[in-house]
Amino acid sequence: QVQLVESGGGLVQPGGSLRLSCTASGSILSFNRMDWYRQAPGKERELVATIATDGGSINYADFVKGRFTISRDIAKNTVFLQMHSLKPEDTAVYYCNARLYNPYVEYWGKGTPVTVSS
């Protein structure tokens, strides 16, 4: 069973930065794609950023473009989400998702909370 473990969340002031990590129990090359999602209190989970594990494509939600960067370290089985210029509306639990297309299977981590507040 694949496990995804997120870390790096916490409390940060508006305008600050955090780097989230998602470490898989096996090689991330076992998946086609890895994503970061977030879910704020009372809201639906939303896609934040996505990366093809072969490094072929990266995409961001409009609300994080220019502020967040997704990257991967194959040797460390880890995907990162570097977050800059954080806003109170970025407050949410951030989840890692790993997806394989054929056969289709996906895995979720348990999330790491991010709170942006002064």
C-alpha atoms as a PDB file:
ATOM      1  CA  GLN A   1       0.000   0.000   0.000  1.00  0.00           C
ATOM      2  CA  VAL A   2       1.421   3.345  -1.045  1.00  0.00           C
ATOM      3  CA  GLN A   3       1.693   6.006   1.608  1.00  0.00           C
ATOM      4  CA  LEU A   4       1.986   9.726   1.041  1.00  0.00           C
ATOM      5  CA  VAL A   5       3.152  11.867   3.939  1.00  0.00           C
ATOM      6  CA  GLU A   6       2.846  15.636   3.823  1.00  0.00           C
ATOM      7  CA  SER A   7       4.873  17.959   6.008  1.00  0.00           C
ATOM      8  CA  GLY A   8       5.902  21.595   6.266  1.00  0.00           C
ATOM      9  CA  GLY A   9       2.612  23.222   7.158  1.00  0.00           C
ATOM     10  CA  GLY A  10       2.203  25.696   9.977  1.00  0.00           C
ATOM     11  CA  LEU A  11       1.341  29.229  10.956  1.00  0.00           C
ATOM     12  CA  VAL A  12       2.759  32.032   8.857  1.00  0.00           C
ATOM     13  CA  GLN A  13       2.092  35.751   8.585  1.00  0.00           C
ATOM     14  CA  PRO A  14       0.591  37.259   5.443  1.00  0.00           C
ATOM     15  CA  GLY A  15       3.314  37.754   2.871  1.00  0.00           C
ATOM     16  CA  GLY A  16       5.354  34.918   4.288  1.00  0.00           C
ATOM     17  CA  SER A  17       6.559  31.681   2.753  1.00  0.00           C
ATOM     18  CA  LEU A  18       6.325  27.968   3.440  1.00  0.00           C
ATOM     19  CA  ARG A  19       7.568  24.888   1.670  1.00  0.00           C
ATOM     20  CA  LEU A  20       5.411  21.786   1.797  1.00  0.00           C
ATOM     21  CA  SER A  21       6.773  18.316   1.146  1.00  0.00           C
ATOM     22  CA  CYS A  22       5.022  15.143   0.095  1.00  0.00           C
ATOM     23  CA  THR A  23       7.104  12.015   0.467  1.00  0.00           C
ATOM     24  CA  ALA A  24       5.956   8.752  -1.064  1.00  0.00           C
ATOM     25  CA  SER A  25       6.730   5.321   0.373  1.00  0.00           C
ATOM     26  CA  GLY A  26       8.048   4.291  -3.026  1.00  0.00           C
ATOM     27  CA  SER A  27       9.346   5.871  -6.185  1.00  0.00           C
ATOM     28  CA  ILE A  28       7.236   8.735  -7.464  1.00  0.00           C
ATOM     29  CA  LEU A  29       8.011   7.462 -10.951  1.00  0.00           C
ATOM     30  CA  SER A  30       5.453   4.748 -10.169  1.00  0.00           C
ATOM     31  CA  PHE A  31       2.853   7.450 -10.789  1.00  0.00           C
ATOM     32  CA  ASN A  32       2.035   9.497 -13.844  1.00  0.00           C
ATOM     33  CA  ARG A  33       1.139  12.622 -11.965  1.00  0.00           C
ATOM     34  CA  MET A  34       1.273  14.144  -8.513  1.00  0.00           C
ATOM     35  CA  ASP A  35      -0.864  17.021  -7.347  1.00  0.00           C
ATOM     36  CA  TRP A  36      -1.350  19.372  -4.453  1.00  0.00           C
ATOM     37  CA  TYR A  37      -4.911  20.094  -3.394  1.00  0.00           C
ATOM     38  CA  ARG A  38      -6.243  22.202  -0.584  1.00  0.00           C
ATOM     39  CA  GLN A  39      -9.434  22.382   1.406  1.00  0.00           C
ATOM     40  CA  ALA A  40     -10.407  25.413   3.435  1.00  0.00           C
ATOM     41  CA  PRO A  41     -12.965  25.159   6.234  1.00  0.00           C
ATOM     42  CA  GLY A  42     -16.462  24.914   4.825  1.00  0.00           C
ATOM     43  CA  LYS A  43     -15.230  24.705   1.244  1.00  0.00           C
ATOM     44  CA  GLU A  44     -14.679  21.968  -1.294  1.00  0.00           C
ATOM     45  CA  ARG A  45     -11.263  20.549  -1.983  1.00  0.00           C
ATOM     46  CA  GLU A  46      -9.603  22.341  -4.898  1.00  0.00           C
ATOM     47  CA  LEU A  47      -6.640  21.620  -7.124  1.00  0.00           C
ATOM     48  CA  VAL A  48      -3.639  23.859  -6.489  1.00  0.00           C
ATOM     49  CA  ALA A  49      -0.834  22.514  -8.655  1.00  0.00           C
ATOM     50  CA  THR A  50       0.041  19.454 -10.655  1.00  0.00           C
ATOM     51  CA  ILE A  51       3.253  17.945 -11.979  1.00  0.00           C
ATOM     52  CA  ALA A  52       3.872  15.057 -14.331  1.00  0.00           C
ATOM     53  CA  THR A  53       6.395  12.833 -12.602  1.00  0.00           C
ATOM     54  CA  ASP A  54       8.477  12.660 -15.764  1.00  0.00           C
ATOM     55  CA  GLY A  55       8.745  16.426 -15.526  1.00  0.00           C
ATOM     56  CA  GLY A  56       6.806  16.887 -18.739  1.00  0.00           C
ATOM     57  CA  SER A  57       4.168  19.313 -17.554  1.00  0.00           C
ATOM     58  CA  ILE A  58       3.357  21.564 -14.660  1.00  0.00           C
ATOM     59  CA  ASN A  59       0.114  23.426 -14.113  1.00  0.00           C
ATOM     60  CA  TYR A  60      -1.225  25.809 -11.499  1.00  0.00           C
ATOM     61  CA  ALA A  61      -4.583  27.091 -10.423  1.00  0.00           C
ATOM     62  CA  ASP A  62      -5.010  30.734 -11.369  1.00  0.00           C
ATOM     63  CA  PHE A  63      -5.195  31.789  -7.741  1.00  0.00           C
ATOM     64  CA  VAL A  64      -1.602  30.619  -7.037  1.00  0.00           C
ATOM     65  CA  LYS A  65       0.137  31.442 -10.316  1.00  0.00           C
ATOM     66  CA  GLY A  66       3.260  33.468  -9.724  1.00  0.00           C
ATOM     67  CA  ARG A  67       3.263  32.689  -6.007  1.00  0.00           C
ATOM     68  CA  PHE A  68       3.530  28.883  -5.716  1.00  0.00           C
ATOM     69  CA  THR A  69       5.990  26.503  -7.356  1.00  0.00           C
ATOM     70  CA  ILE A  70       5.638  22.736  -7.576  1.00  0.00           C
ATOM     71  CA  SER A  71       8.730  20.609  -8.046  1.00  0.00           C
ATOM     72  CA  ARG A  72       9.930  17.066  -7.530  1.00  0.00           C
ATOM     73  CA  ASP A  73      13.027  15.257  -6.286  1.00  0.00           C
ATOM     74  CA  ILE A  74      12.991  11.761  -7.730  1.00  0.00           C
ATOM     75  CA  ALA A  75      15.867  10.554  -5.575  1.00  0.00           C
ATOM     76  CA  LYS A  76      13.990  11.601  -2.433  1.00  0.00           C
ATOM     77  CA  ASN A  77      10.584  10.320  -3.646  1.00  0.00           C
ATOM     78  CA  THR A  78       9.286  13.761  -2.814  1.00  0.00           C
ATOM     79  CA  VAL A  79       7.179  16.482  -4.367  1.00  0.00           C
ATOM     80  CA  PHE A  80       7.407  20.009  -3.029  1.00  0.00           C
ATOM     81  CA  LEU A  81       5.123  23.016  -3.007  1.00  0.00           C
ATOM     82  CA  GLN A  82       7.007  26.249  -2.433  1.00  0.00           C
ATOM     83  CA  MET A  83       4.583  28.961  -1.396  1.00  0.00           C
ATOM     84  CA  HIS A  84       5.430  32.661  -1.375  1.00  0.00           C
ATOM     85  CA  SER A  85       3.397  35.823  -0.762  1.00  0.00           C
ATOM     86  CA  LEU A  86       0.907  33.873   1.289  1.00  0.00           C
ATOM     87  CA  LYS A  87      -2.516  35.374   1.867  1.00  0.00           C
ATOM     88  CA  PRO A  88      -5.116  34.662   4.556  1.00  0.00           C
ATOM     89  CA  GLU A  89      -7.251  33.031   1.861  1.00  0.00           C
ATOM     90  CA  ASP A  90      -4.501  30.438   1.376  1.00  0.00           C
ATOM     91  CA  THR A  91      -5.405  29.041   4.791  1.00  0.00           C
ATOM     92  CA  ALA A  92      -6.394  25.400   4.295  1.00  0.00           C
ATOM     93  CA  VAL A  93      -5.339  21.838   4.784  1.00  0.00           C
ATOM     94  CA  TYR A  94      -3.030  20.929   1.904  1.00  0.00           C
ATOM     95  CA  TYR A  95      -3.185  17.407   0.531  1.00  0.00           C
ATOM     96  CA  CYS A  96      -0.907  15.443  -1.738  1.00  0.00           C
ATOM     97  CA  ASN A  97      -2.374  13.188  -4.421  1.00  0.00           C
ATOM     98  CA  ALA A  98      -0.596  10.612  -6.576  1.00  0.00           C
ATOM     99  CA  ARG A  99      -2.209   9.187  -9.676  1.00  0.00           C
ATOM    100  CA  LEU A 100      -1.500   6.323 -12.060  1.00  0.00           C
ATOM    101  CA  TYR A 101      -3.532   6.225 -15.268  1.00  0.00           C
ATOM    102  CA  ASN A 102      -3.268   2.584 -16.369  1.00  0.00           C
ATOM    103  CA  PRO A 103      -4.580   0.876 -14.386  1.00  0.00           C
ATOM    104  CA  TYR A 104      -6.224   3.866 -12.788  1.00  0.00           C
ATOM    105  CA  VAL A 105      -5.365   4.270  -9.126  1.00  0.00           C
ATOM    106  CA  GLU A 106      -4.843   7.231  -6.882  1.00  0.00           C
ATOM    107  CA  TYR A 107      -3.616   7.818  -3.379  1.00  0.00           C
ATOM    108  CA  TRP A 108      -4.061  10.643  -0.892  1.00  0.00           C
ATOM    109  CA  GLY A 109      -2.016  11.835   2.017  1.00  0.00           C
ATOM    110  CA  LYS A 110      -3.580  12.909   5.301  1.00  0.00           C
ATOM    111  CA  GLY A 111      -2.815  16.570   4.755  1.00  0.00           C
ATOM    112  CA  THR A 112      -0.821  19.291   6.418  1.00  0.00           C
ATOM    113  CA  PRO A 113      -2.516  22.448   7.739  1.00  0.00           C
ATOM    114  CA  VAL A 114      -1.454  25.904   6.649  1.00  0.00           C
ATOM    115  CA  THR A 115      -2.692  28.957   8.501  1.00  0.00           C
ATOM    116  CA  VAL A 116      -1.937  32.443   7.205  1.00  0.00           C
ATOM    117  CA  SER A 117      -2.704  34.984   9.874  1.00  0.00           C
ATOM    118  CA  SER A 118      -1.199  37.956  11.640  1.00  0.00           C
END
